[in-house]
């Protein structure tokens, strides 16, 4: 197919992003005395999540100035891939294990430039 100026998803393939992908930042602030438990629980989910279909990026970050602060930076090929991730056993274990011992905030983002 050849077109001039038409919108086609494959045009974005070389740009490093896809207009339908999902990006999320999940921040977790461990309750006092629980930072190591939260850290370990998140570390366990990283390898199986990175192996999931549709996972582009799944990075675990620790706050350099606050040993109770953690961030998960996620990038998924589609909403369907993200939805499938949230149904996995390892995700459910993470939520169950850190939910009672950390405050968690999840934000979705769209790439603007």
PDB file of N, CA and C in Angstrom:
ATOM      1  N   UNK A   1       0.850  -1.180   0.000  1.00  0.00           N
ATOM      2  CA  UNK A   1       0.000   0.000   0.000  1.00  0.00           C
ATOM      3  C   UNK A   1       0.882   1.226   0.000  1.00  0.00           C
ATOM      4  N   UNK A   2       0.625   2.115  -0.903  1.00  0.00           N
ATOM      5  CA  UNK A   2       1.383   3.356  -0.975  1.00  0.00           C
ATOM      6  C   UNK A   2       0.416   4.517  -0.834  1.00  0.00           C
ATOM      7  N   UNK A   3       0.749   5.428   0.075  1.00  0.00           N
ATOM      8  CA  UNK A   3      -0.112   6.585   0.236  1.00  0.00           C
ATOM      9  C   UNK A   3       0.741   7.781   0.619  1.00  0.00           C
ATOM     10  N   UNK A   4       0.248   8.921   0.319  1.00  0.00           N
ATOM     11  CA  UNK A   4       0.953  10.152   0.657  1.00  0.00           C
ATOM     12  C   UNK A   4       0.160  10.891   1.724  1.00  0.00           C
ATOM     13  N   UNK A   5       0.717  10.959   2.934  1.00  0.00           N
ATOM     14  CA  UNK A   5       0.079  11.706   3.994  1.00  0.00           C
ATOM     15  C   UNK A   5      -1.031  10.985   4.733  1.00  0.00           C
ATOM     16  N   UNK A   6      -1.269   9.688   4.421  1.00  0.00           N
ATOM     17  CA  UNK A   6      -2.320   8.994   5.147  1.00  0.00           C
ATOM     18  C   UNK A   6      -1.792   8.484   6.482  1.00  0.00           C
ATOM     19  N   UNK A   7      -2.680   8.289   7.415  1.00  0.00           N
ATOM     20  CA  UNK A   7      -2.318   7.821   8.745  1.00  0.00           C
ATOM     21  C   UNK A   7      -2.365   6.308   8.763  1.00  0.00           C
ATOM     22  N   UNK A   8      -1.224   5.687   8.992  1.00  0.00           N
ATOM     23  CA  UNK A   8      -1.152   4.231   9.111  1.00  0.00           C
ATOM     24  C   UNK A   8      -0.260   3.906  10.299  1.00  0.00           C
ATOM     25  N   UNK A   9      -0.688   2.940  11.107  1.00  0.00           N
ATOM     26  CA  UNK A   9       0.050   2.611  12.327  1.00  0.00           C
ATOM     27  C   UNK A   9       1.478   2.184  12.046  1.00  0.00           C
ATOM     28  N   UNK A  10       1.723   1.500  10.939  1.00  0.00           N
ATOM     29  CA  UNK A  10       3.079   1.049  10.666  1.00  0.00           C
ATOM     30  C   UNK A  10       4.049   2.204  10.416  1.00  0.00           C
ATOM     31  N   UNK A  11       3.523   3.394  10.123  1.00  0.00           N
ATOM     32  CA  UNK A  11       4.387   4.555   9.950  1.00  0.00           C
ATOM     33  C   UNK A  11       5.125   4.899  11.231  1.00  0.00           C
ATOM     34  N   UNK A  12       4.585   4.485  12.381  1.00  0.00           N
ATOM     35  CA  UNK A  12       5.179   4.822  13.668  1.00  0.00           C
ATOM     36  C   UNK A  12       6.198   3.784  14.134  1.00  0.00           C
ATOM     37  N   UNK A  13       6.348   2.688  13.433  1.00  0.00           N
ATOM     38  CA  UNK A  13       7.169   1.578  13.915  1.00  0.00           C
ATOM     39  C   UNK A  13       8.602   1.991  14.224  1.00  0.00           C
ATOM     40  N   UNK A  14       9.204   2.834  13.438  1.00  0.00           N
ATOM     41  CA  UNK A  14      10.588   3.218  13.656  1.00  0.00           C
ATOM     42  C   UNK A  14      10.773   4.379  14.611  1.00  0.00           C
ATOM     43  N   UNK A  15       9.709   4.920  15.141  1.00  0.00           N
ATOM     44  CA  UNK A  15       9.798   6.099  16.001  1.00  0.00           C
ATOM     45  C   UNK A  15      10.061   5.762  17.462  1.00  0.00           C
ATOM     46  N   UNK A  16      10.005   4.484  17.837  1.00  0.00           N
ATOM     47  CA  UNK A  16      10.220   4.104  19.219  1.00  0.00           C
ATOM     48  C   UNK A  16       8.951   4.181  20.055  1.00  0.00           C
ATOM     49  N   UNK A  17       7.825   4.467  19.449  1.00  0.00           N
ATOM     50  CA  UNK A  17       6.555   4.429  20.164  1.00  0.00           C
ATOM     51  C   UNK A  17       5.459   4.060  19.192  1.00  0.00           C
ATOM     52  N   UNK A  18       4.356   3.666  19.760  1.00  0.00           N
ATOM     53  CA  UNK A  18       3.193   3.268  18.981  1.00  0.00           C
ATOM     54  C   UNK A  18       2.006   4.026  19.566  1.00  0.00           C
ATOM     55  N   UNK A  19       1.157   4.591  18.748  1.00  0.00           N
ATOM     56  CA  UNK A  19       0.074   5.426  19.275  1.00  0.00           C
ATOM     57  C   UNK A  19      -0.924   4.686  20.165  1.00  0.00           C
ATOM     58  N   UNK A  20      -0.959   3.361  20.123  1.00  0.00           N
ATOM     59  CA  UNK A  20      -1.909   2.615  20.940  1.00  0.00           C
ATOM     60  C   UNK A  20      -1.288   2.061  22.224  1.00  0.00           C
ATOM     61  N   UNK A  21       0.017   2.253  22.401  1.00  0.00           N
ATOM     62  CA  UNK A  21       0.656   1.678  23.576  1.00  0.00           C
ATOM     63  C   UNK A  21       0.229   2.380  24.861  1.00  0.00           C
ATOM     64  N   UNK A  22       0.431   1.683  25.960  1.00  0.00           N
ATOM     65  CA  UNK A  22       0.063   2.190  27.281  1.00  0.00           C
ATOM     66  C   UNK A  22       1.329   2.366  28.112  1.00  0.00           C
ATOM     67  N   UNK A  23       1.402   3.493  28.797  1.00  0.00           N
ATOM     68  CA  UNK A  23       2.511   3.762  29.703  1.00  0.00           C
ATOM     69  C   UNK A  23       1.938   4.089  31.072  1.00  0.00           C
ATOM     70  N   UNK A  24       2.570   3.504  32.094  1.00  0.00           N
ATOM     71  CA  UNK A  24       2.110   3.767  33.456  1.00  0.00           C
ATOM     72  C   UNK A  24       3.304   3.992  34.370  1.00  0.00           C
ATOM     73  N   UNK A  25       3.074   4.801  35.384  1.00  0.00           N
ATOM     74  CA  UNK A  25       4.000   4.943  36.494  1.00  0.00           C
ATOM     75  C   UNK A  25       3.253   4.521  37.743  1.00  0.00           C
ATOM     76  N   UNK A  26       3.814   3.570  38.436  1.00  0.00           N
ATOM     77  CA  UNK A  26       3.235   3.101  39.688  1.00  0.00           C
ATOM     78  C   UNK A  26       4.208   3.477  40.797  1.00  0.00           C
ATOM     79  N   UNK A  27       3.755   4.296  41.715  1.00  0.00           N
ATOM     80  CA  UNK A  27       4.602   4.670  42.839  1.00  0.00           C
ATOM     81  C   UNK A  27       4.113   3.936  44.078  1.00  0.00           C
ATOM     82  N   UNK A  28       5.066   3.483  44.861  1.00  0.00           N
ATOM     83  CA  UNK A  28       4.759   2.806  46.117  1.00  0.00           C
ATOM     84  C   UNK A  28       5.600   3.446  47.208  1.00  0.00           C
ATOM     85  N   UNK A  29       4.955   3.809  48.283  1.00  0.00           N
ATOM     86  CA  UNK A  29       5.656   4.330  49.450  1.00  0.00           C
ATOM     87  C   UNK A  29       5.410   3.346  50.588  1.00  0.00           C
ATOM     88  N   UNK A  30       6.481   2.639  50.964  1.00  0.00           N
ATOM     89  CA  UNK A  30       6.366   1.614  51.997  1.00  0.00           C
ATOM     90  C   UNK A  30       6.083   2.237  53.354  1.00  0.00           C
ATOM     91  N   UNK A  31       5.221   1.585  54.111  1.00  0.00           N
ATOM     92  CA  UNK A  31       4.967   2.000  55.486  1.00  0.00           C
ATOM     93  C   UNK A  31       6.246   1.788  56.304  1.00  0.00           C
ATOM     94  N   UNK A  32       6.417   2.533  57.400  1.00  0.00           N
ATOM     95  CA  UNK A  32       7.611   2.362  58.234  1.00  0.00           C
ATOM     96  C   UNK A  32       7.839   0.895  58.607  1.00  0.00           C
ATOM     97  N   UNK A  33       9.091   0.462  58.448  1.00  0.00           N
ATOM     98  CA  UNK A  33       9.466  -0.904  58.775  1.00  0.00           C
ATOM     99  C   UNK A  33       9.188  -1.920  57.687  1.00  0.00           C
ATOM    100  N   UNK A  34       8.672  -1.492  56.527  1.00  0.00           N
ATOM    101  CA  UNK A  34       8.289  -2.437  55.471  1.00  0.00           C
ATOM    102  C   UNK A  34       9.015  -2.217  54.143  1.00  0.00           C
ATOM    103  N   UNK A  35      10.013  -1.344  54.103  1.00  0.00           N
ATOM    104  CA  UNK A  35      10.643  -1.040  52.808  1.00  0.00           C
ATOM    105  C   UNK A  35      11.308  -2.267  52.185  1.00  0.00           C
ATOM    106  N   UNK A  36      11.948  -3.118  52.979  1.00  0.00           N
ATOM    107  CA  UNK A  36      12.598  -4.306  52.407  1.00  0.00           C
ATOM    108  C   UNK A  36      11.573  -5.302  51.877  1.00  0.00           C
ATOM    109  N   UNK A  37      10.449  -5.434  52.552  1.00  0.00           N
ATOM    110  CA  UNK A  37       9.398  -6.341  52.074  1.00  0.00           C
ATOM    111  C   UNK A  37       8.809  -5.858  50.757  1.00  0.00           C
ATOM    112  N   UNK A  38       8.588  -4.549  50.657  1.00  0.00           N
ATOM    113  CA  UNK A  38       8.060  -3.982  49.407  1.00  0.00           C
ATOM    114  C   UNK A  38       9.085  -4.151  48.296  1.00  0.00           C
ATOM    115  N   UNK A  39      10.346  -3.834  48.579  1.00  0.00           N
ATOM    116  CA  UNK A  39      11.414  -3.981  47.571  1.00  0.00           C
ATOM    117  C   UNK A  39      11.471  -5.413  47.050  1.00  0.00           C
ATOM    118  N   UNK A  40      11.489  -6.376  47.937  1.00  0.00           N
ATOM    119  CA  UNK A  40      11.596  -7.783  47.530  1.00  0.00           C
ATOM    120  C   UNK A  40      10.388  -8.231  46.713  1.00  0.00           C
ATOM    121  N   UNK A  41       9.195  -7.796  47.108  1.00  0.00           N
ATOM    122  CA  UNK A  41       7.981  -8.176  46.379  1.00  0.00           C
ATOM    123  C   UNK A  41       8.015  -7.633  44.952  1.00  0.00           C
ATOM    124  N   UNK A  42       8.467  -6.387  44.801  1.00  0.00           N
ATOM    125  CA  UNK A  42       8.543  -5.804  43.452  1.00  0.00           C
ATOM    126  C   UNK A  42       9.638  -6.479  42.643  1.00  0.00           C
ATOM    127  N   UNK A  43      10.776  -6.750  43.256  1.00  0.00           N
ATOM    128  CA  UNK A  43      11.868  -7.419  42.532  1.00  0.00           C
ATOM    129  C   UNK A  43      11.423  -8.759  41.961  1.00  0.00           C
ATOM    130  N   UNK A  44      10.569  -9.476  42.689  1.00  0.00           N
ATOM    131  CA  UNK A  44      10.112 -10.787  42.231  1.00  0.00           C
ATOM    132  C   UNK A  44       9.238 -10.718  40.987  1.00  0.00           C
ATOM    133  N   UNK A  45       8.538  -9.610  40.789  1.00  0.00           N
ATOM    134  CA  UNK A  45       7.604  -9.520  39.663  1.00  0.00           C
ATOM    135  C   UNK A  45       8.296  -9.088  38.362  1.00  0.00           C
ATOM    136  N   UNK A  46       9.484  -8.499  38.473  1.00  0.00           N
ATOM    137  CA  UNK A  46      10.133  -7.937  37.286  1.00  0.00           C
ATOM    138  C   UNK A  46      10.434  -8.991  36.211  1.00  0.00           C
ATOM    139  N   UNK A  47      11.159 -10.080  36.510  1.00  0.00           N
ATOM    140  CA  UNK A  47      11.471 -11.040  35.427  1.00  0.00           C
ATOM    141  C   UNK A  47      10.252 -11.640  34.731  1.00  0.00           C
ATOM    142  N   UNK A  48       9.237 -12.149  35.467  1.00  0.00           N
ATOM    143  CA  UNK A  48       8.103 -12.720  34.730  1.00  0.00           C
ATOM    144  C   UNK A  48       7.304 -11.673  33.958  1.00  0.00           C
ATOM    145  N   UNK A  49       7.276 -10.451  34.459  1.00  0.00           N
ATOM    146  CA  UNK A  49       6.543  -9.403  33.741  1.00  0.00           C
ATOM    147  C   UNK A  49       7.257  -9.043  32.450  1.00  0.00           C
ATOM    148  N   UNK A  50       8.568  -8.898  32.501  1.00  0.00           N
ATOM    149  CA  UNK A  50       9.329  -8.582  31.283  1.00  0.00           C
ATOM    150  C   UNK A  50       9.191  -9.660  30.225  1.00  0.00           C
ATOM    151  N   UNK A  51       8.890 -10.879  30.626  1.00  0.00           N
ATOM    152  CA  UNK A  51       8.733 -11.990  29.676  1.00  0.00           C
ATOM    153  C   UNK A  51       7.326 -12.066  29.079  1.00  0.00           C
ATOM    154  N   UNK A  52       6.408 -11.256  29.562  1.00  0.00           N
ATOM    155  CA  UNK A  52       5.027 -11.305  29.066  1.00  0.00           C
ATOM    156  C   UNK A  52       4.922 -10.761  27.648  1.00  0.00           C
ATOM    157  N   UNK A  53       3.998 -11.331  26.886  1.00  0.00           N
ATOM    158  CA  UNK A  53       3.684 -10.796  25.559  1.00  0.00           C
ATOM    159  C   UNK A  53       3.181  -9.376  25.714  1.00  0.00           C
ATOM    160  N   UNK A  54       3.705  -8.471  24.913  1.00  0.00           N
ATOM    161  CA  UNK A  54       3.233  -7.090  24.925  1.00  0.00           C
ATOM    162  C   UNK A  54       3.972  -6.177  25.877  1.00  0.00           C
ATOM    163  N   UNK A  55       4.879  -6.718  26.686  1.00  0.00           N
ATOM    164  CA  UNK A  55       5.653  -5.869  27.598  1.00  0.00           C
ATOM    165  C   UNK A  55       6.831  -5.272  26.835  1.00  0.00           C
ATOM    166  N   UNK A  56       6.850  -3.962  26.724  1.00  0.00           N
ATOM    167  CA  UNK A  56       7.949  -3.253  26.073  1.00  0.00           C
ATOM    168  C   UNK A  56       8.998  -2.866  27.110  1.00  0.00           C
ATOM    169  N   UNK A  57       8.523  -2.420  28.270  1.00  0.00           N
ATOM    170  CA  UNK A  57       9.427  -1.938  29.312  1.00  0.00           C
ATOM    171  C   UNK A  57       8.772  -2.139  30.670  1.00  0.00           C
ATOM    172  N   UNK A  58       9.572  -2.602  31.623  1.00  0.00           N
ATOM    173  CA  UNK A  58       9.102  -2.745  32.996  1.00  0.00           C
ATOM    174  C   UNK A  58      10.311  -2.515  33.890  1.00  0.00           C
ATOM    175  N   UNK A  59      10.450  -1.291  34.368  1.00  0.00           N
ATOM    176  CA  UNK A  59      11.617  -0.898  35.148  1.00  0.00           C
ATOM    177  C   UNK A  59      11.231  -0.646  36.592  1.00  0.00           C
ATOM    178  N   UNK A  60      12.058  -1.130  37.498  1.00  0.00           N
ATOM    179  CA  UNK A  60      11.869  -0.939  38.928  1.00  0.00           C
ATOM    180  C   UNK A  60      12.912   0.062  39.406  1.00  0.00           C
ATOM    181  N   UNK A  61      12.444   1.169  39.966  1.00  0.00           N
ATOM    182  CA  UNK A  61      13.324   2.239  40.424  1.00  0.00           C
ATOM    183  C   UNK A  61      13.150   2.439  41.922  1.00  0.00           C
ATOM    184  N   UNK A  62      14.272   2.695  42.599  1.00  0.00           N
ATOM    185  CA  UNK A  62      14.232   3.012  44.022  1.00  0.00           C
ATOM    186  C   UNK A  62      14.641   4.471  44.187  1.00  0.00           C
ATOM    187  N   UNK A  63      13.946   5.166  45.050  1.00  0.00           N
ATOM    188  CA  UNK A  63      14.217   6.582  45.322  1.00  0.00           C
ATOM    189  C   UNK A  63      15.583   6.702  46.010  1.00  0.00           C
ATOM    190  N   UNK A  64      16.476   7.495  45.441  1.00  0.00           N
ATOM    191  CA  UNK A  64      17.818   7.676  46.000  1.00  0.00           C
ATOM    192  C   UNK A  64      17.810   8.458  47.310  1.00  0.00           C
ATOM    193  N   UNK A  65      16.748   9.188  47.571  1.00  0.00           N
ATOM    194  CA  UNK A  65      16.691  10.034  48.760  1.00  0.00           C
ATOM    195  C   UNK A  65      15.693   9.564  49.808  1.00  0.00           C
ATOM    196  N   UNK A  66      15.001   8.448  49.545  1.00  0.00           N
ATOM    197  CA  UNK A  66      13.977   7.970  50.461  1.00  0.00           C
ATOM    198  C   UNK A  66      13.898   6.451  50.318  1.00  0.00           C
ATOM    199  N   UNK A  67      14.392   5.725  51.306  1.00  0.00           N
ATOM    200  CA  UNK A  67      14.440   4.264  51.163  1.00  0.00           C
ATOM    201  C   UNK A  67      13.067   3.599  51.250  1.00  0.00           C
ATOM    202  N   UNK A  68      12.018   4.385  51.418  1.00  0.00           N
ATOM    203  CA  UNK A  68      10.655   3.853  51.408  1.00  0.00           C
ATOM    204  C   UNK A  68       9.935   4.108  50.076  1.00  0.00           C
ATOM    205  N   UNK A  69      10.602   4.797  49.130  1.00  0.00           N
ATOM    206  CA  UNK A  69       9.963   5.174  47.876  1.00  0.00           C
ATOM    207  C   UNK A  69      10.420   4.330  46.701  1.00  0.00           C
ATOM    208  N   UNK A  70       9.445   3.843  45.931  1.00  0.00           N
ATOM    209  CA  UNK A  70       9.720   2.992  44.773  1.00  0.00           C
ATOM    210  C   UNK A  70       8.814   3.384  43.612  1.00  0.00           C
ATOM    211  N   UNK A  71       9.298   3.151  42.401  1.00  0.00           N
ATOM    212  CA  UNK A  71       8.526   3.441  41.192  1.00  0.00           C
ATOM    213  C   UNK A  71       8.668   2.265  40.234  1.00  0.00           C
ATOM    214  N   UNK A  72       7.577   1.901  39.596  1.00  0.00           N
ATOM    215  CA  UNK A  72       7.606   0.947  38.485  1.00  0.00           C
ATOM    216  C   UNK A  72       7.189   1.726  37.245  1.00  0.00           C
ATOM    217  N   UNK A  73       8.074   1.732  36.257  1.00  0.00           N
ATOM    218  CA  UNK A  73       7.793   2.395  34.985  1.00  0.00           C
ATOM    219  C   UNK A  73       7.433   1.309  33.985  1.00  0.00           C
ATOM    220  N   UNK A  74       6.203   1.377  33.468  1.00  0.00           N
ATOM    221  CA  UNK A  74       5.698   0.341  32.568  1.00  0.00           C
ATOM    222  C   UNK A  74       5.410   0.897  31.182  1.00  0.00           C
ATOM    223  N   UNK A  75       5.644   0.072  30.185  1.00  0.00           N
ATOM    224  CA  UNK A  75       5.266   0.408  28.816  1.00  0.00           C
ATOM    225  C   UNK A  75       4.767  -0.875  28.159  1.00  0.00           C
ATOM    226  N   UNK A  76       3.549  -0.817  27.653  1.00  0.00           N
ATOM    227  CA  UNK A  76       2.881  -1.986  27.065  1.00  0.00           C
ATOM    228  C   UNK A  76       2.474  -1.680  25.633  1.00  0.00           C
ATOM    229  N   UNK A  77       2.457  -2.702  24.795  1.00  0.00           N
ATOM    230  CA  UNK A  77       2.100  -2.532  23.386  1.00  0.00           C
ATOM    231  C   UNK A  77       0.647  -2.118  23.205  1.00  0.00           C
ATOM    232  N   UNK A  78      -0.206  -2.487  24.145  1.00  0.00           N
ATOM    233  CA  UNK A  78      -1.632  -2.200  23.985  1.00  0.00           C
ATOM    234  C   UNK A  78      -2.343  -2.302  25.328  1.00  0.00           C
ATOM    235  N   UNK A  79      -3.565  -1.842  25.359  1.00  0.00           N
ATOM    236  CA  UNK A  79      -4.398  -1.987  26.547  1.00  0.00           C
ATOM    237  C   UNK A  79      -4.638  -3.462  26.832  1.00  0.00           C
ATOM    238  N   UNK A  80      -4.798  -4.264  25.784  1.00  0.00           N
ATOM    239  CA  UNK A  80      -5.025  -5.701  25.968  1.00  0.00           C
ATOM    240  C   UNK A  80      -3.837  -6.354  26.668  1.00  0.00           C
ATOM    241  N   UNK A  81      -2.624  -5.959  26.311  1.00  0.00           N
ATOM    242  CA  UNK A  81      -1.429  -6.516  26.958  1.00  0.00           C
ATOM    243  C   UNK A  81      -1.378  -6.107  28.432  1.00  0.00           C
ATOM    244  N   UNK A  82      -1.690  -4.855  28.714  1.00  0.00           N
ATOM    245  CA  UNK A  82      -1.720  -4.383  30.099  1.00  0.00           C
ATOM    246  C   UNK A  82      -2.808  -5.110  30.893  1.00  0.00           C
ATOM    247  N   UNK A  83      -3.982  -5.261  30.299  1.00  0.00           N
ATOM    248  CA  UNK A  83      -5.079  -5.969  30.967  1.00  0.00           C
ATOM    249  C   UNK A  83      -4.686  -7.418  31.277  1.00  0.00           C
ATOM    250  N   UNK A  84      -4.006  -8.070  30.325  1.00  0.00           N
ATOM    251  CA  UNK A  84      -3.569  -9.455  30.534  1.00  0.00           C
ATOM    252  C   UNK A  84      -2.554  -9.521  31.678  1.00  0.00           C
ATOM    253  N   UNK A  85      -1.666  -8.534  31.751  1.00  0.00           N
ATOM    254  CA  UNK A  85      -0.677  -8.480  32.838  1.00  0.00           C
ATOM    255  C   UNK A  85      -1.380  -8.431  34.199  1.00  0.00           C
ATOM    256  N   UNK A  86      -2.420  -7.636  34.292  1.00  0.00           N
ATOM    257  CA  UNK A  86      -3.101  -7.469  35.575  1.00  0.00           C
ATOM    258  C   UNK A  86      -3.891  -8.718  35.997  1.00  0.00           C
ATOM    259  N   UNK A  87      -4.011  -9.685  35.108  1.00  0.00           N
ATOM    260  CA  UNK A  87      -4.672 -10.951  35.437  1.00  0.00           C
ATOM    261  C   UNK A  87      -3.680 -12.054  35.781  1.00  0.00           C
ATOM    262  N   UNK A  88      -2.372 -11.780  35.653  1.00  0.00           N
ATOM    263  CA  UNK A  88      -1.373 -12.809  35.931  1.00  0.00           C
ATOM    264  C   UNK A  88      -1.278 -13.087  37.425  1.00  0.00           C
ATOM    265  N   UNK A  89      -0.836 -14.286  37.734  1.00  0.00           N
ATOM    266  CA  UNK A  89      -0.690 -14.675  39.139  1.00  0.00           C
ATOM    267  C   UNK A  89       0.369 -13.819  39.838  1.00  0.00           C
ATOM    268  N   UNK A  90       1.486 -13.527  39.153  1.00  0.00           N
ATOM    269  CA  UNK A  90       2.541 -12.742  39.811  1.00  0.00           C
ATOM    270  C   UNK A  90       2.083 -11.311  40.118  1.00  0.00           C
ATOM    271  N   UNK A  91       1.229 -10.746  39.268  1.00  0.00           N
ATOM    272  CA  UNK A  91       0.705  -9.412  39.563  1.00  0.00           C
ATOM    273  C   UNK A  91      -0.227  -9.462  40.771  1.00  0.00           C
ATOM    274  N   UNK A  92      -1.098 -10.470  40.814  1.00  0.00           N
ATOM    275  CA  UNK A  92      -2.022 -10.601  41.940  1.00  0.00           C
ATOM    276  C   UNK A  92      -1.270 -10.790  43.254  1.00  0.00           C
ATOM    277  N   UNK A  93      -0.186 -11.568  43.231  1.00  0.00           N
ATOM    278  CA  UNK A  93       0.628 -11.775  44.427  1.00  0.00           C
ATOM    279  C   UNK A  93       1.245 -10.452  44.873  1.00  0.00           C
ATOM    280  N   UNK A  94       1.732  -9.656  43.915  1.00  0.00           N
ATOM    281  CA  UNK A  94       2.317  -8.358  44.258  1.00  0.00           C
ATOM    282  C   UNK A  94       1.289  -7.468  44.946  1.00  0.00           C
ATOM    283  N   UNK A  95       0.130  -7.348  44.344  1.00  0.00           N
ATOM    284  CA  UNK A  95      -0.914  -6.484  44.901  1.00  0.00           C
ATOM    285  C   UNK A  95      -1.298  -6.949  46.303  1.00  0.00           C
ATOM    286  N   UNK A  96      -1.475  -8.252  46.470  1.00  0.00           N
ATOM    287  CA  UNK A  96      -1.860  -8.789  47.784  1.00  0.00           C
ATOM    288  C   UNK A  96      -0.766  -8.589  48.824  1.00  0.00           C
ATOM    289  N   UNK A  97       0.493  -8.675  48.393  1.00  0.00           N
ATOM    290  CA  UNK A  97       1.585  -8.594  49.370  1.00  0.00           C
ATOM    291  C   UNK A  97       1.941  -7.169  49.760  1.00  0.00           C
ATOM    292  N   UNK A  98       1.868  -6.217  48.826  1.00  0.00           N
ATOM    293  CA  UNK A  98       2.270  -4.854  49.217  1.00  0.00           C
ATOM    294  C   UNK A  98       1.093  -3.928  49.515  1.00  0.00           C
ATOM    295  N   UNK A  99      -0.100  -4.301  49.092  1.00  0.00           N
ATOM    296  CA  UNK A  99      -1.267  -3.464  49.360  1.00  0.00           C
ATOM    297  C   UNK A  99      -1.428  -3.062  50.820  1.00  0.00           C
ATOM    298  N   UNK A 100      -1.291  -4.011  51.754  1.00  0.00           N
ATOM    299  CA  UNK A 100      -1.465  -3.656  53.162  1.00  0.00           C
ATOM    300  C   UNK A 100      -0.278  -2.905  53.793  1.00  0.00           C
ATOM    301  N   UNK A 101       0.881  -2.882  53.123  1.00  0.00           N
ATOM    302  CA  UNK A 101       2.073  -2.312  53.763  1.00  0.00           C
ATOM    303  C   UNK A 101       2.673  -1.129  52.996  1.00  0.00           C
ATOM    304  N   UNK A 102       1.950  -0.614  52.012  1.00  0.00           N
ATOM    305  CA  UNK A 102       2.448   0.520  51.228  1.00  0.00           C
ATOM    306  C   UNK A 102       1.281   1.325  50.680  1.00  0.00           C
ATOM    307  N   UNK A 103       1.514   2.607  50.480  1.00  0.00           N
ATOM    308  CA  UNK A 103       0.532   3.414  49.748  1.00  0.00           C
ATOM    309  C   UNK A 103       0.954   3.381  48.281  1.00  0.00           C
ATOM    310  N   UNK A 104      -0.010   3.155  47.406  1.00  0.00           N
ATOM    311  CA  UNK A 104       0.282   2.935  45.984  1.00  0.00           C
ATOM    312  C   UNK A 104      -0.533   3.909  45.152  1.00  0.00           C
ATOM    313  N   UNK A 105       0.116   4.484  44.148  1.00  0.00           N
ATOM    314  CA  UNK A 105      -0.566   5.368  43.209  1.00  0.00           C
ATOM    315  C   UNK A 105      -0.187   4.925  41.799  1.00  0.00           C
ATOM    316  N   UNK A 106      -1.188   4.800  40.933  1.00  0.00           N
ATOM    317  CA  UNK A 106      -0.959   4.386  39.546  1.00  0.00           C
ATOM    318  C   UNK A 106      -1.472   5.483  38.628  1.00  0.00           C
ATOM    319  N   UNK A 107      -0.609   5.932  37.713  1.00  0.00           N
ATOM    320  CA  UNK A 107      -0.985   6.959  36.738  1.00  0.00           C
ATOM    321  C   UNK A 107      -0.677   6.448  35.345  1.00  0.00           C
ATOM    322  N   UNK A 108      -1.613   6.681  34.419  1.00  0.00           N
ATOM    323  CA  UNK A 108      -1.377   6.344  33.009  1.00  0.00           C
ATOM    324  C   UNK A 108      -0.999   7.598  32.254  1.00  0.00           C
ATOM    325  N   UNK A 109      -0.104   7.437  31.301  1.00  0.00           N
ATOM    326  CA  UNK A 109       0.408   8.568  30.533  1.00  0.00           C
ATOM    327  C   UNK A 109       0.333   8.284  29.049  1.00  0.00           C
ATOM    328  N   UNK A 110       0.252   9.351  28.262  1.00  0.00           N
ATOM    329  CA  UNK A 110       0.324   9.282  26.813  1.00  0.00           C
ATOM    330  C   UNK A 110       1.562  10.041  26.363  1.00  0.00           C
ATOM    331  N   UNK A 111       2.317   9.458  25.475  1.00  0.00           N
ATOM    332  CA  UNK A 111       3.501  10.099  24.941  1.00  0.00           C
ATOM    333  C   UNK A 111       3.088  11.310  24.105  1.00  0.00           C
ATOM    334  N   UNK A 112       3.647  12.456  24.391  1.00  0.00           N
ATOM    335  CA  UNK A 112       3.286  13.687  23.695  1.00  0.00           C
ATOM    336  C   UNK A 112       4.332  14.121  22.683  1.00  0.00           C
ATOM    337  N   UNK A 113       5.564  13.776  22.910  1.00  0.00           N
ATOM    338  CA  UNK A 113       6.620  14.182  21.969  1.00  0.00           C
ATOM    339  C   UNK A 113       7.819  13.282  22.143  1.00  0.00           C
TER     340      UNK A 113
END
